[in-house]
Amino acid sequence: MEKFILAFVVGGAICVLGQILIDVFRLTPAHMTVSLVVAGAILGGLGLYEPLIKFAGAGASVPISSFGNSLVSGALAEAEKNGIVGVLTGIFEVTSAGISSAIIFGFMASLIFKPKG
């Protein structure tokens, strides 16, 4: 039960941070999303995001900030193996399933509903 509460509190705190960015700093949702991805990438690069995931579980691994952490951790892991080329391949290797899913499900939704634009 304690894990669920921690996940709820940490995930909720990340969402509150995003809402503060929108309301107080008047950021658009796109700017807020990019800010959370960059924050996750920075925390991942500093080695601080993995302990947060171990502490909060899904509360830290599900929000968009985890995507930034995934980008950086994949790039760093492959850079150790393959040098500078590994930075690019690592980013795509770790995140390709999520990006592909978003494209496929977005396309399927556009077939079902009437997209605007």
PDB file of N, CA and C in Angstrom:
ATOM      1  N   MET A   1       0.818  -1.196   0.000  1.00  0.00           N
ATOM      2  CA  MET A   1       0.000   0.000   0.000  1.00  0.00           C
ATOM      3  C   MET A   1       0.870   1.272   0.000  1.00  0.00           C
ATOM      4  N   GLU A   2       2.001   1.167   0.685  1.00  0.00           N
ATOM      5  CA  GLU A   2       2.897   2.320   0.775  1.00  0.00           C
ATOM      6  C   GLU A   2       3.446   2.717  -0.603  1.00  0.00           C
ATOM      7  N   LYS A   3       3.721   1.718  -1.467  1.00  0.00           N
ATOM      8  CA  LYS A   3       4.240   2.011  -2.808  1.00  0.00           C
ATOM      9  C   LYS A   3       3.218   2.788  -3.637  1.00  0.00           C
ATOM     10  N   PHE A   4       1.945   2.432  -3.489  1.00  0.00           N
ATOM     11  CA  PHE A   4       0.906   3.129  -4.232  1.00  0.00           C
ATOM     12  C   PHE A   4       0.809   4.585  -3.803  1.00  0.00           C
ATOM     13  N   ILE A   5       0.928   4.819  -2.526  1.00  0.00           N
ATOM     14  CA  ILE A   5       0.848   6.193  -2.008  1.00  0.00           C
ATOM     15  C   ILE A   5       2.038   7.011  -2.493  1.00  0.00           C
ATOM     16  N   LEU A   6       3.243   6.419  -2.432  1.00  0.00           N
ATOM     17  CA  LEU A   6       4.433   7.126  -2.918  1.00  0.00           C
ATOM     18  C   LEU A   6       4.319   7.434  -4.409  1.00  0.00           C
ATOM     19  N   ALA A   7       3.847   6.467  -5.178  1.00  0.00           N
ATOM     20  CA  ALA A   7       3.677   6.689  -6.615  1.00  0.00           C
ATOM     21  C   ALA A   7       2.671   7.803  -6.867  1.00  0.00           C
ATOM     22  N   PHE A   8       1.581   7.794  -6.122  1.00  0.00           N
ATOM     23  CA  PHE A   8       0.550   8.821  -6.278  1.00  0.00           C
ATOM     24  C   PHE A   8       1.088  10.198  -5.917  1.00  0.00           C
ATOM     25  N   VAL A   9       1.814  10.303  -4.821  1.00  0.00           N
ATOM     26  CA  VAL A   9       2.329  11.597  -4.361  1.00  0.00           C
ATOM     27  C   VAL A   9       3.392  12.140  -5.324  1.00  0.00           C
ATOM     28  N   VAL A  10       4.326  11.304  -5.734  1.00  0.00           N
ATOM     29  CA  VAL A  10       5.399  11.780  -6.624  1.00  0.00           C
ATOM     30  C   VAL A  10       4.846  12.087  -8.018  1.00  0.00           C
ATOM     31  N   GLY A  11       4.013  11.201  -8.554  1.00  0.00           N
ATOM     32  CA  GLY A  11       3.399  11.474  -9.855  1.00  0.00           C
ATOM     33  C   GLY A  11       2.535  12.715  -9.813  1.00  0.00           C
ATOM     34  N   GLY A  12       1.792  12.884  -8.724  1.00  0.00           N
ATOM     35  CA  GLY A  12       0.971  14.088  -8.550  1.00  0.00           C
ATOM     36  C   GLY A  12       1.818  15.343  -8.436  1.00  0.00           C
ATOM     37  N   ALA A  13       2.964  15.237  -7.759  1.00  0.00           N
ATOM     38  CA  ALA A  13       3.856  16.395  -7.626  1.00  0.00           C
ATOM     39  C   ALA A  13       4.415  16.813  -8.989  1.00  0.00           C
ATOM     40  N   ILE A  14       4.738  15.839  -9.830  1.00  0.00           N
ATOM     41  CA  ILE A  14       5.220  16.162 -11.175  1.00  0.00           C
ATOM     42  C   ILE A  14       4.116  16.854 -11.970  1.00  0.00           C
ATOM     43  N   CYS A  15       2.888  16.364 -11.832  1.00  0.00           N
ATOM     44  CA  CYS A  15       1.756  16.999 -12.525  1.00  0.00           C
ATOM     45  C   CYS A  15       1.488  18.399 -11.991  1.00  0.00           C
ATOM     46  N   VAL A  16       1.609  18.582 -10.679  1.00  0.00           N
ATOM     47  CA  VAL A  16       1.433  19.918 -10.091  1.00  0.00           C
ATOM     48  C   VAL A  16       2.497  20.866 -10.618  1.00  0.00           C
ATOM     49  N   LEU A  17       3.726  20.384 -10.728  1.00  0.00           N
ATOM     50  CA  LEU A  17       4.798  21.207 -11.287  1.00  0.00           C
ATOM     51  C   LEU A  17       4.451  21.649 -12.709  1.00  0.00           C
ATOM     52  N   GLY A  18       3.944  20.717 -13.508  1.00  0.00           N
ATOM     53  CA  GLY A  18       3.529  21.060 -14.865  1.00  0.00           C
ATOM     54  C   GLY A  18       2.406  22.090 -14.880  1.00  0.00           C
ATOM     55  N   GLN A  19       1.441  21.944 -13.977  1.00  0.00           N
ATOM     56  CA  GLN A  19       0.328  22.894 -13.918  1.00  0.00           C
ATOM     57  C   GLN A  19       0.807  24.271 -13.465  1.00  0.00           C
ATOM     58  N   ILE A  20       1.770  24.301 -12.546  1.00  0.00           N
ATOM     59  CA  ILE A  20       2.348  25.585 -12.113  1.00  0.00           C
ATOM     60  C   ILE A  20       3.050  26.267 -13.282  1.00  0.00           C
ATOM     61  N   LEU A  21       3.776  25.487 -14.077  1.00  0.00           N
ATOM     62  CA  LEU A  21       4.445  26.065 -15.247  1.00  0.00           C
ATOM     63  C   LEU A  21       3.432  26.695 -16.202  1.00  0.00           C
ATOM     64  N   ILE A  22       2.279  26.061 -16.340  1.00  0.00           N
ATOM     65  CA  ILE A  22       1.246  26.604 -17.229  1.00  0.00           C
ATOM     66  C   ILE A  22       0.579  27.829 -16.620  1.00  0.00           C
ATOM     67  N   ASP A  23       0.175  27.745 -15.354  1.00  0.00           N
ATOM     68  CA  ASP A  23      -0.607  28.808 -14.728  1.00  0.00           C
ATOM     69  C   ASP A  23       0.224  30.024 -14.323  1.00  0.00           C
ATOM     70  N   VAL A  24       1.333  29.805 -13.659  1.00  0.00           N
ATOM     71  CA  VAL A  24       2.119  30.919 -13.119  1.00  0.00           C
ATOM     72  C   VAL A  24       3.017  31.543 -14.184  1.00  0.00           C
ATOM     73  N   PHE A  25       3.707  30.697 -14.935  1.00  0.00           N
ATOM     74  CA  PHE A  25       4.658  31.212 -15.916  1.00  0.00           C
ATOM     75  C   PHE A  25       4.060  31.369 -17.307  1.00  0.00           C
ATOM     76  N   ARG A  26       2.779  31.068 -17.420  1.00  0.00           N
ATOM     77  CA  ARG A  26       2.029  31.235 -18.681  1.00  0.00           C
ATOM     78  C   ARG A  26       2.664  30.487 -19.856  1.00  0.00           C
ATOM     79  N   LEU A  27       3.191  29.294 -19.567  1.00  0.00           N
ATOM     80  CA  LEU A  27       3.740  28.472 -20.638  1.00  0.00           C
ATOM     81  C   LEU A  27       2.608  27.746 -21.350  1.00  0.00           C
ATOM     82  N   THR A  28       2.797  27.498 -22.620  1.00  0.00           N
ATOM     83  CA  THR A  28       1.824  26.697 -23.352  1.00  0.00           C
ATOM     84  C   THR A  28       2.029  25.234 -22.947  1.00  0.00           C
ATOM     85  N   PRO A  29       1.029  24.384 -23.174  1.00  0.00           N
ATOM     86  CA  PRO A  29       1.228  22.967 -22.846  1.00  0.00           C
ATOM     87  C   PRO A  29       2.450  22.355 -23.540  1.00  0.00           C
ATOM     88  N   ALA A  30       2.724  22.782 -24.757  1.00  0.00           N
ATOM     89  CA  ALA A  30       3.905  22.256 -25.459  1.00  0.00           C
ATOM     90  C   ALA A  30       5.193  22.678 -24.762  1.00  0.00           C
ATOM     91  N   HIS A  31       5.276  23.929 -24.337  1.00  0.00           N
ATOM     92  CA  HIS A  31       6.471  24.392 -23.626  1.00  0.00           C
ATOM     93  C   HIS A  31       6.619  23.693 -22.276  1.00  0.00           C
ATOM     94  N   MET A  32       5.499  23.461 -21.596  1.00  0.00           N
ATOM     95  CA  MET A  32       5.538  22.754 -20.316  1.00  0.00           C
ATOM     96  C   MET A  32       6.039  21.331 -20.518  1.00  0.00           C
ATOM     97  N   THR A  33       5.557  20.662 -21.566  1.00  0.00           N
ATOM     98  CA  THR A  33       5.974  19.285 -21.847  1.00  0.00           C
ATOM     99  C   THR A  33       7.472  19.226 -22.127  1.00  0.00           C
ATOM    100  N   VAL A  34       7.948  20.138 -22.946  1.00  0.00           N
ATOM    101  CA  VAL A  34       9.382  20.177 -23.249  1.00  0.00           C
ATOM    102  C   VAL A  34      10.184  20.472 -21.989  1.00  0.00           C
ATOM    103  N   SER A  35       9.683  21.357 -21.141  1.00  0.00           N
ATOM    104  CA  SER A  35      10.380  21.670 -19.884  1.00  0.00           C
ATOM    105  C   SER A  35      10.504  20.442 -18.997  1.00  0.00           C
ATOM    106  N   LEU A  36       9.439  19.640 -18.905  1.00  0.00           N
ATOM    107  CA  LEU A  36       9.495  18.431 -18.079  1.00  0.00           C
ATOM    108  C   LEU A  36      10.413  17.373 -18.688  1.00  0.00           C
ATOM    109  N   VAL A  37      10.427  17.265 -20.008  1.00  0.00           N
ATOM    110  CA  VAL A  37      11.339  16.310 -20.661  1.00  0.00           C
ATOM    111  C   VAL A  37      12.790  16.735 -20.414  1.00  0.00           C
ATOM    112  N   VAL A  38      13.078  18.014 -20.553  1.00  0.00           N
ATOM    113  CA  VAL A  38      14.442  18.512 -20.332  1.00  0.00           C
ATOM    114  C   VAL A  38      14.841  18.335 -18.866  1.00  0.00           C
ATOM    115  N   ALA A  39      13.907  18.611 -17.945  1.00  0.00           N
ATOM    116  CA  ALA A  39      14.212  18.423 -16.526  1.00  0.00           C
ATOM    117  C   ALA A  39      14.513  16.955 -16.232  1.00  0.00           C
ATOM    118  N   GLY A  40      13.737  16.048 -16.822  1.00  0.00           N
ATOM    119  CA  GLY A  40      14.008  14.622 -16.648  1.00  0.00           C
ATOM    120  C   GLY A  40      15.343  14.224 -17.238  1.00  0.00           C
ATOM    121  N   ALA A  41      15.696  14.818 -18.374  1.00  0.00           N
ATOM    122  CA  ALA A  41      16.983  14.523 -19.005  1.00  0.00           C
ATOM    123  C   ALA A  41      18.138  15.019 -18.139  1.00  0.00           C
ATOM    124  N   ILE A  42      17.996  16.204 -17.597  1.00  0.00           N
ATOM    125  CA  ILE A  42      19.056  16.754 -16.740  1.00  0.00           C
ATOM    126  C   ILE A  42      19.206  15.914 -15.478  1.00  0.00           C
ATOM    127  N   LEU A  43      18.086  15.587 -14.843  1.00  0.00           N
ATOM    128  CA  LEU A  43      18.149  14.756 -13.636  1.00  0.00           C
ATOM    129  C   LEU A  43      18.718  13.375 -13.941  1.00  0.00           C
ATOM    130  N   GLY A  44      18.363  12.829 -15.113  1.00  0.00           N
ATOM    131  CA  GLY A  44      18.922  11.541 -15.517  1.00  0.00           C
ATOM    132  C   GLY A  44      20.414  11.617 -15.774  1.00  0.00           C
ATOM    133  N   GLY A  45      20.854  12.685 -16.410  1.00  0.00           N
ATOM    134  CA  GLY A  45      22.277  12.871 -16.677  1.00  0.00           C
ATOM    135  C   GLY A  45      23.092  13.032 -15.413  1.00  0.00           C
ATOM    136  N   LEU A  46      22.479  13.622 -14.394  1.00  0.00           N
ATOM    137  CA  LEU A  46      23.164  13.802 -13.109  1.00  0.00           C
ATOM    138  C   LEU A  46      23.046  12.566 -12.216  1.00  0.00           C
ATOM    139  N   GLY A  47      22.306  11.562 -12.697  1.00  0.00           N
ATOM    140  CA  GLY A  47      22.140  10.339 -11.910  1.00  0.00           C
ATOM    141  C   GLY A  47      21.114  10.446 -10.796  1.00  0.00           C
ATOM    142  N   LEU A  48      20.224  11.428 -10.876  1.00  0.00           N
ATOM    143  CA  LEU A  48      19.241  11.634  -9.818  1.00  0.00           C
ATOM    144  C   LEU A  48      17.865  11.058 -10.135  1.00  0.00           C
ATOM    145  N   TYR A  49      17.600  10.738 -11.404  1.00  0.00           N
ATOM    146  CA  TYR A  49      16.259  10.265 -11.753  1.00  0.00           C
ATOM    147  C   TYR A  49      16.056   8.788 -11.430  1.00  0.00           C
ATOM    148  N   GLU A  50      17.077   7.970 -11.590  1.00  0.00           N
ATOM    149  CA  GLU A  50      16.949   6.539 -11.268  1.00  0.00           C
ATOM    150  C   GLU A  50      16.621   6.314  -9.792  1.00  0.00           C
ATOM    151  N   PRO A  51      17.284   7.009  -8.849  1.00  0.00           N
ATOM    152  CA  PRO A  51      16.879   6.842  -7.447  1.00  0.00           C
ATOM    153  C   PRO A  51      15.428   7.283  -7.207  1.00  0.00           C
ATOM    154  N   LEU A  52      14.969   8.293  -7.945  1.00  0.00           N
ATOM    155  CA  LEU A  52      13.576   8.720  -7.822  1.00  0.00           C
ATOM    156  C   LEU A  52      12.637   7.621  -8.306  1.00  0.00           C
ATOM    157  N   ILE A  53      12.997   6.939  -9.393  1.00  0.00           N
ATOM    158  CA  ILE A  53      12.184   5.825  -9.888  1.00  0.00           C
ATOM    159  C   ILE A  53      12.176   4.677  -8.876  1.00  0.00           C
ATOM    160  N   LYS A  54      13.324   4.392  -8.278  1.00  0.00           N
ATOM    161  CA  LYS A  54      13.363   3.337  -7.268  1.00  0.00           C
ATOM    162  C   LYS A  54      12.529   3.700  -6.049  1.00  0.00           C
ATOM    163  N   PHE A  55      12.476   4.976  -5.710  1.00  0.00           N
ATOM    164  CA  PHE A  55      11.711   5.434  -4.556  1.00  0.00           C
ATOM    165  C   PHE A  55      10.214   5.452  -4.845  1.00  0.00           C
ATOM    166  N   ALA A  56       9.821   5.971  -6.008  1.00  0.00           N
ATOM    167  CA  ALA A  56       8.400   6.203  -6.290  1.00  0.00           C
ATOM    168  C   ALA A  56       7.801   5.256  -7.307  1.00  0.00           C
ATOM    169  N   GLY A  57       8.582   4.418  -7.950  1.00  0.00           N
ATOM    170  CA  GLY A  57       8.041   3.464  -8.917  1.00  0.00           C
ATOM    171  C   GLY A  57       7.356   4.161 -10.083  1.00  0.00           C
ATOM    172  N   ALA A  58       6.112   3.758 -10.350  1.00  0.00           N
ATOM    173  CA  ALA A  58       5.369   4.289 -11.496  1.00  0.00           C
ATOM    174  C   ALA A  58       5.101   5.781 -11.368  1.00  0.00           C
ATOM    175  N   GLY A  59       5.128   6.308 -10.167  1.00  0.00           N
ATOM    176  CA  GLY A  59       4.927   7.746  -9.991  1.00  0.00           C
ATOM    177  C   GLY A  59       6.000   8.569 -10.666  1.00  0.00           C
ATOM    178  N   ALA A  60       7.182   7.993 -10.842  1.00  0.00           N
ATOM    179  CA  ALA A  60       8.270   8.692 -11.519  1.00  0.00           C
ATOM    180  C   ALA A  60       8.544   8.137 -12.909  1.00  0.00           C
ATOM    181  N   SER A  61       8.151   6.899 -13.174  1.00  0.00           N
ATOM    182  CA  SER A  61       8.481   6.308 -14.469  1.00  0.00           C
ATOM    183  C   SER A  61       7.406   6.522 -15.523  1.00  0.00           C
ATOM    184  N   VAL A  62       6.194   6.893 -15.137  1.00  0.00           N
ATOM    185  CA  VAL A  62       5.122   7.089 -16.100  1.00  0.00           C
ATOM    186  C   VAL A  62       5.060   8.515 -16.662  1.00  0.00           C
ATOM    187  N   PRO A  63       5.269   9.576 -15.869  1.00  0.00           N
ATOM    188  CA  PRO A  63       5.154  10.943 -16.419  1.00  0.00           C
ATOM    189  C   PRO A  63       6.152  11.219 -17.534  1.00  0.00           C
ATOM    190  N   ILE A  64       5.913  12.292 -18.258  1.00  0.00           N
ATOM    191  CA  ILE A  64       6.709  12.651 -19.425  1.00  0.00           C
ATOM    192  C   ILE A  64       8.170  12.935 -19.066  1.00  0.00           C
ATOM    193  N   SER A  65       8.438  13.308 -17.827  1.00  0.00           N
ATOM    194  CA  SER A  65       9.824  13.561 -17.429  1.00  0.00           C
ATOM    195  C   SER A  65      10.672  12.297 -17.531  1.00  0.00           C
ATOM    196  N   SER A  66      10.050  11.147 -17.409  1.00  0.00           N
ATOM    197  CA  SER A  66      10.772   9.887 -17.543  1.00  0.00           C
ATOM    198  C   SER A  66      11.280   9.686 -18.972  1.00  0.00           C
ATOM    199  N   PHE A  67      10.601  10.283 -19.955  1.00  0.00           N
ATOM    200  CA  PHE A  67      11.052  10.181 -21.340  1.00  0.00           C
ATOM    201  C   PHE A  67      12.416  10.843 -21.498  1.00  0.00           C
ATOM    202  N   GLY A  68      12.608  12.003 -20.882  1.00  0.00           N
ATOM    203  CA  GLY A  68      13.913  12.669 -20.924  1.00  0.00           C
ATOM    204  C   GLY A  68      14.991  11.824 -20.277  1.00  0.00           C
ATOM    205  N   ASN A  69      14.652  11.188 -19.161  1.00  0.00           N
ATOM    206  CA  ASN A  69      15.590  10.300 -18.499  1.00  0.00           C
ATOM    207  C   ASN A  69      15.948   9.128 -19.404  1.00  0.00           C
ATOM    208  N   SER A  70      14.954   8.575 -20.101  1.00  0.00           N
ATOM    209  CA  SER A  70      15.217   7.457 -21.012  1.00  0.00           C
ATOM    210  C   SER A  70      16.149   7.870 -22.150  1.00  0.00           C
ATOM    211  N   LEU A  71      15.935   9.066 -22.681  1.00  0.00           N
ATOM    212  CA  LEU A  71      16.809   9.553 -23.755  1.00  0.00           C
ATOM    213  C   LEU A  71      18.257   9.622 -23.298  1.00  0.00           C
ATOM    214  N   VAL A  72      18.463  10.216 -22.145  1.00  0.00           N
ATOM    215  CA  VAL A  72      19.833  10.413 -21.661  1.00  0.00           C
ATOM    216  C   VAL A  72      20.467   9.091 -21.244  1.00  0.00           C
ATOM    217  N   SER A  73      19.722   8.243 -20.539  1.00  0.00           N
ATOM    218  CA  SER A  73      20.324   6.977 -20.096  1.00  0.00           C
ATOM    219  C   SER A  73      20.679   6.092 -21.288  1.00  0.00           C
ATOM    220  N   GLY A  74      19.834   6.074 -22.324  1.00  0.00           N
ATOM    221  CA  GLY A  74      20.159   5.305 -23.525  1.00  0.00           C
ATOM    222  C   GLY A  74      21.368   5.864 -24.240  1.00  0.00           C
ATOM    223  N   ALA A  75      21.437   7.181 -24.334  1.00  0.00           N
ATOM    224  CA  ALA A  75      22.572   7.822 -25.009  1.00  0.00           C
ATOM    225  C   ALA A  75      23.872   7.574 -24.248  1.00  0.00           C
ATOM    226  N   LEU A  76      23.840   7.688 -22.930  1.00  0.00           N
ATOM    227  CA  LEU A  76      25.058   7.480 -22.146  1.00  0.00           C
ATOM    228  C   LEU A  76      25.521   6.026 -22.188  1.00  0.00           C
ATOM    229  N   ALA A  77      24.576   5.091 -22.131  1.00  0.00           N
ATOM    230  CA  ALA A  77      24.949   3.672 -22.160  1.00  0.00           C
ATOM    231  C   ALA A  77      25.597   3.301 -23.487  1.00  0.00           C
ATOM    232  N   GLU A  78      25.011   3.759 -24.578  1.00  0.00           N
ATOM    233  CA  GLU A  78      25.580   3.436 -25.889  1.00  0.00           C
ATOM    234  C   GLU A  78      26.852   4.233 -26.176  1.00  0.00           C
ATOM    235  N   ALA A  79      26.975   5.426 -25.614  1.00  0.00           N
ATOM    236  CA  ALA A  79      28.194   6.211 -25.817  1.00  0.00           C
ATOM    237  C   ALA A  79      29.401   5.518 -25.193  1.00  0.00           C
ATOM    238  N   GLU A  80      29.176   4.837 -24.069  1.00  0.00           N
ATOM    239  CA  GLU A  80      30.276   4.091 -23.449  1.00  0.00           C
ATOM    240  C   GLU A  80      30.739   2.943 -24.341  1.00  0.00           C
ATOM    241  N   LYS A  81      29.793   2.321 -25.057  1.00  0.00           N
ATOM    242  CA  LYS A  81      30.133   1.178 -25.916  1.00  0.00           C
ATOM    243  C   LYS A  81      30.684   1.612 -27.268  1.00  0.00           C
ATOM    244  N   ASN A  82      30.009   2.595 -27.921  1.00  0.00           N
ATOM    245  CA  ASN A  82      30.302   2.921 -29.313  1.00  0.00           C
ATOM    246  C   ASN A  82      30.782   4.342 -29.551  1.00  0.00           C
ATOM    247  N   GLY A  83      31.081   5.074 -28.534  1.00  0.00           N
ATOM    248  CA  GLY A  83      31.557   6.441 -28.710  1.00  0.00           C
ATOM    249  C   GLY A  83      30.447   7.388 -29.131  1.00  0.00           C
ATOM    250  N   ILE A  84      30.790   8.380 -29.917  1.00  0.00           N
ATOM    251  CA  ILE A  84      29.857   9.441 -30.290  1.00  0.00           C
ATOM    252  C   ILE A  84      28.686   8.919 -31.124  1.00  0.00           C
ATOM    253  N   VAL A  85      28.922   7.902 -31.943  1.00  0.00           N
ATOM    254  CA  VAL A  85      27.843   7.308 -32.738  1.00  0.00           C
ATOM    255  C   VAL A  85      26.819   6.658 -31.813  1.00  0.00           C
ATOM    256  N   GLY A  86      27.282   6.122 -30.701  1.00  0.00           N
ATOM    257  CA  GLY A  86      26.395   5.488 -29.738  1.00  0.00           C
ATOM    258  C   GLY A  86      25.400   6.440 -29.110  1.00  0.00           C
ATOM    259  N   VAL A  87      25.742   7.721 -29.068  1.00  0.00           N
ATOM    260  CA  VAL A  87      24.805   8.705 -28.505  1.00  0.00           C
ATOM    261  C   VAL A  87      23.521   8.705 -29.331  1.00  0.00           C
ATOM    262  N   LEU A  88      23.652   8.763 -30.637  1.00  0.00           N
ATOM    263  CA  LEU A  88      22.466   8.780 -31.498  1.00  0.00           C
ATOM    264  C   LEU A  88      21.742   7.443 -31.513  1.00  0.00           C
ATOM    265  N   THR A  89      22.493   6.361 -31.623  1.00  0.00           N
ATOM    266  CA  THR A  89      21.842   5.055 -31.675  1.00  0.00           C
ATOM    267  C   THR A  89      21.187   4.708 -30.348  1.00  0.00           C
ATOM    268  N   GLY A  90      21.778   5.135 -29.256  1.00  0.00           N
ATOM    269  CA  GLY A  90      21.212   4.857 -27.937  1.00  0.00           C
ATOM    270  C   GLY A  90      19.895   5.551 -27.714  1.00  0.00           C
ATOM    271  N   ILE A  91      19.779   6.779 -28.185  1.00  0.00           N
ATOM    272  CA  ILE A  91      18.533   7.523 -28.046  1.00  0.00           C
ATOM    273  C   ILE A  91      17.416   6.795 -28.779  1.00  0.00           C
ATOM    274  N   PHE A  92      17.678   6.365 -30.003  1.00  0.00           N
ATOM    275  CA  PHE A  92      16.646   5.712 -30.797  1.00  0.00           C
ATOM    276  C   PHE A  92      16.338   4.305 -30.308  1.00  0.00           C
ATOM    277  N   GLU A  93      17.349   3.610 -29.836  1.00  0.00           N
ATOM    278  CA  GLU A  93      17.154   2.236 -29.381  1.00  0.00           C
ATOM    279  C   GLU A  93      16.225   2.174 -28.166  1.00  0.00           C
ATOM    280  N   VAL A  94      16.412   3.067 -27.225  1.00  0.00           N
ATOM    281  CA  VAL A  94      15.634   3.032 -25.988  1.00  0.00           C
ATOM    282  C   VAL A  94      14.223   3.568 -26.189  1.00  0.00           C
ATOM    283  N   THR A  95      14.058   4.577 -27.012  1.00  0.00           N
ATOM    284  CA  THR A  95      12.758   5.254 -27.109  1.00  0.00           C
ATOM    285  C   THR A  95      11.945   4.878 -28.342  1.00  0.00           C
ATOM    286  N   SER A  96      12.465   4.036 -29.201  1.00  0.00           N
ATOM    287  CA  SER A  96      11.761   3.758 -30.457  1.00  0.00           C
ATOM    288  C   SER A  96      10.405   3.093 -30.251  1.00  0.00           C
ATOM    289  N   ALA A  97      10.262   2.233 -29.269  1.00  0.00           N
ATOM    290  CA  ALA A  97       8.973   1.565 -29.046  1.00  0.00           C
ATOM    291  C   ALA A  97       7.902   2.571 -28.644  1.00  0.00           C
ATOM    292  N   GLY A  98       8.232   3.495 -27.762  1.00  0.00           N
ATOM    293  CA  GLY A  98       7.257   4.499 -27.333  1.00  0.00           C
ATOM    294  C   GLY A  98       6.873   5.449 -28.448  1.00  0.00           C
ATOM    295  N   ILE A  99       7.848   5.875 -29.213  1.00  0.00           N
ATOM    296  CA  ILE A  99       7.573   6.791 -30.317  1.00  0.00           C
ATOM    297  C   ILE A  99       6.750   6.091 -31.398  1.00  0.00           C
ATOM    298  N   SER A 100       7.120   4.851 -31.712  1.00  0.00           N
ATOM    299  CA  SER A 100       6.369   4.096 -32.717  1.00  0.00           C
ATOM    300  C   SER A 100       4.928   3.876 -32.271  1.00  0.00           C
ATOM    301  N   SER A 101       4.729   3.545 -31.014  1.00  0.00           N
ATOM    302  CA  SER A 101       3.373   3.352 -30.494  1.00  0.00           C
ATOM    303  C   SER A 101       2.549   4.622 -30.601  1.00  0.00           C
ATOM    304  N   ALA A 102       3.153   5.751 -30.269  1.00  0.00           N
ATOM    305  CA  ALA A 102       2.433   7.022 -30.357  1.00  0.00           C
ATOM    306  C   ALA A 102       2.011   7.313 -31.792  1.00  0.00           C
ATOM    307  N   ILE A 103       2.871   7.040 -32.751  1.00  0.00           N
ATOM    308  CA  ILE A 103       2.540   7.277 -34.157  1.00  0.00           C
ATOM    309  C   ILE A 103       1.430   6.336 -34.612  1.00  0.00           C
ATOM    310  N   ILE A 104       1.561   5.061 -34.283  1.00  0.00           N
ATOM    311  CA  ILE A 104       0.568   4.072 -34.723  1.00  0.00           C
ATOM    312  C   ILE A 104      -0.798   4.354 -34.092  1.00  0.00           C
ATOM    313  N   PHE A 105      -0.840   4.576 -32.792  1.00  0.00           N
ATOM    314  CA  PHE A 105      -2.126   4.827 -32.136  1.00  0.00           C
ATOM    315  C   PHE A 105      -2.716   6.171 -32.544  1.00  0.00           C
ATOM    316  N   GLY A 106      -1.877   7.152 -32.814  1.00  0.00           N
ATOM    317  CA  GLY A 106      -2.373   8.426 -33.328  1.00  0.00           C
ATOM    318  C   GLY A 106      -3.003   8.266 -34.699  1.00  0.00           C
ATOM    319  N   PHE A 107      -2.379   7.469 -35.541  1.00  0.00           N
ATOM    320  CA  PHE A 107      -2.947   7.190 -36.862  1.00  0.00           C
ATOM    321  C   PHE A 107      -4.267   6.445 -36.746  1.00  0.00           C
ATOM    322  N   MET A 108      -4.318   5.449 -35.874  1.00  0.00           N
ATOM    323  CA  MET A 108      -5.560   4.692 -35.686  1.00  0.00           C
ATOM    324  C   MET A 108      -6.680   5.594 -35.165  1.00  0.00           C
ATOM    325  N   ALA A 109      -6.342   6.501 -34.245  1.00  0.00           N
ATOM    326  CA  ALA A 109      -7.355   7.423 -33.730  1.00  0.00           C
ATOM    327  C   ALA A 109      -7.838   8.361 -34.826  1.00  0.00           C
ATOM    328  N   SER A 110      -6.936   8.752 -35.735  1.00  0.00           N
ATOM    329  CA  SER A 110      -7.361   9.642 -36.820  1.00  0.00           C
ATOM    330  C   SER A 110      -8.295   8.931 -37.795  1.00  0.00           C
ATOM    331  N   LEU A 111      -8.194   7.618 -37.887  1.00  0.00           N
ATOM    332  CA  LEU A 111      -9.120   6.878 -38.750  1.00  0.00           C
ATOM    333  C   LEU A 111     -10.513   6.767 -38.120  1.00  0.00           C
ATOM    334  N   ILE A 112     -10.548   6.694 -36.811  1.00  0.00           N
ATOM    335  CA  ILE A 112     -11.819   6.535 -36.098  1.00  0.00           C
ATOM    336  C   ILE A 112     -12.543   7.879 -35.939  1.00  0.00           C
ATOM    337  N   PHE A 113     -11.802   8.906 -35.565  1.00  0.00           N
ATOM    338  CA  PHE A 113     -12.387  10.226 -35.319  1.00  0.00           C
ATOM    339  C   PHE A 113     -12.043  11.161 -36.472  1.00  0.00           C
ATOM    340  N   LYS A 114     -12.704  12.283 -36.514  1.00  0.00           N
ATOM    341  CA  LYS A 114     -12.440  13.262 -37.564  1.00  0.00           C
ATOM    342  C   LYS A 114     -11.386  14.273 -37.081  1.00  0.00           C
ATOM    343  N   PRO A 115     -10.157  14.146 -37.562  1.00  0.00           N
ATOM    344  CA  PRO A 115      -9.129  15.084 -37.136  1.00  0.00           C
ATOM    345  C   PRO A 115      -9.383  16.474 -37.733  1.00  0.00           C
ATOM    346  N   LYS A 116      -8.983  17.479 -36.977  1.00  0.00           N
ATOM    347  CA  LYS A 116      -9.099  18.864 -37.448  1.00  0.00           C
ATOM    348  C   LYS A 116      -7.752  19.293 -37.977  1.00  0.00           C
ATOM    349  N   GLY A 117      -7.742  19.866 -39.166  1.00  0.00           N
ATOM    350  CA  GLY A 117      -6.510  20.409 -39.699  1.00  0.00           C
ATOM    351  C   GLY A 117      -5.931  19.647 -40.772  1.00  0.00           C
TER     352      GLY A 117
END
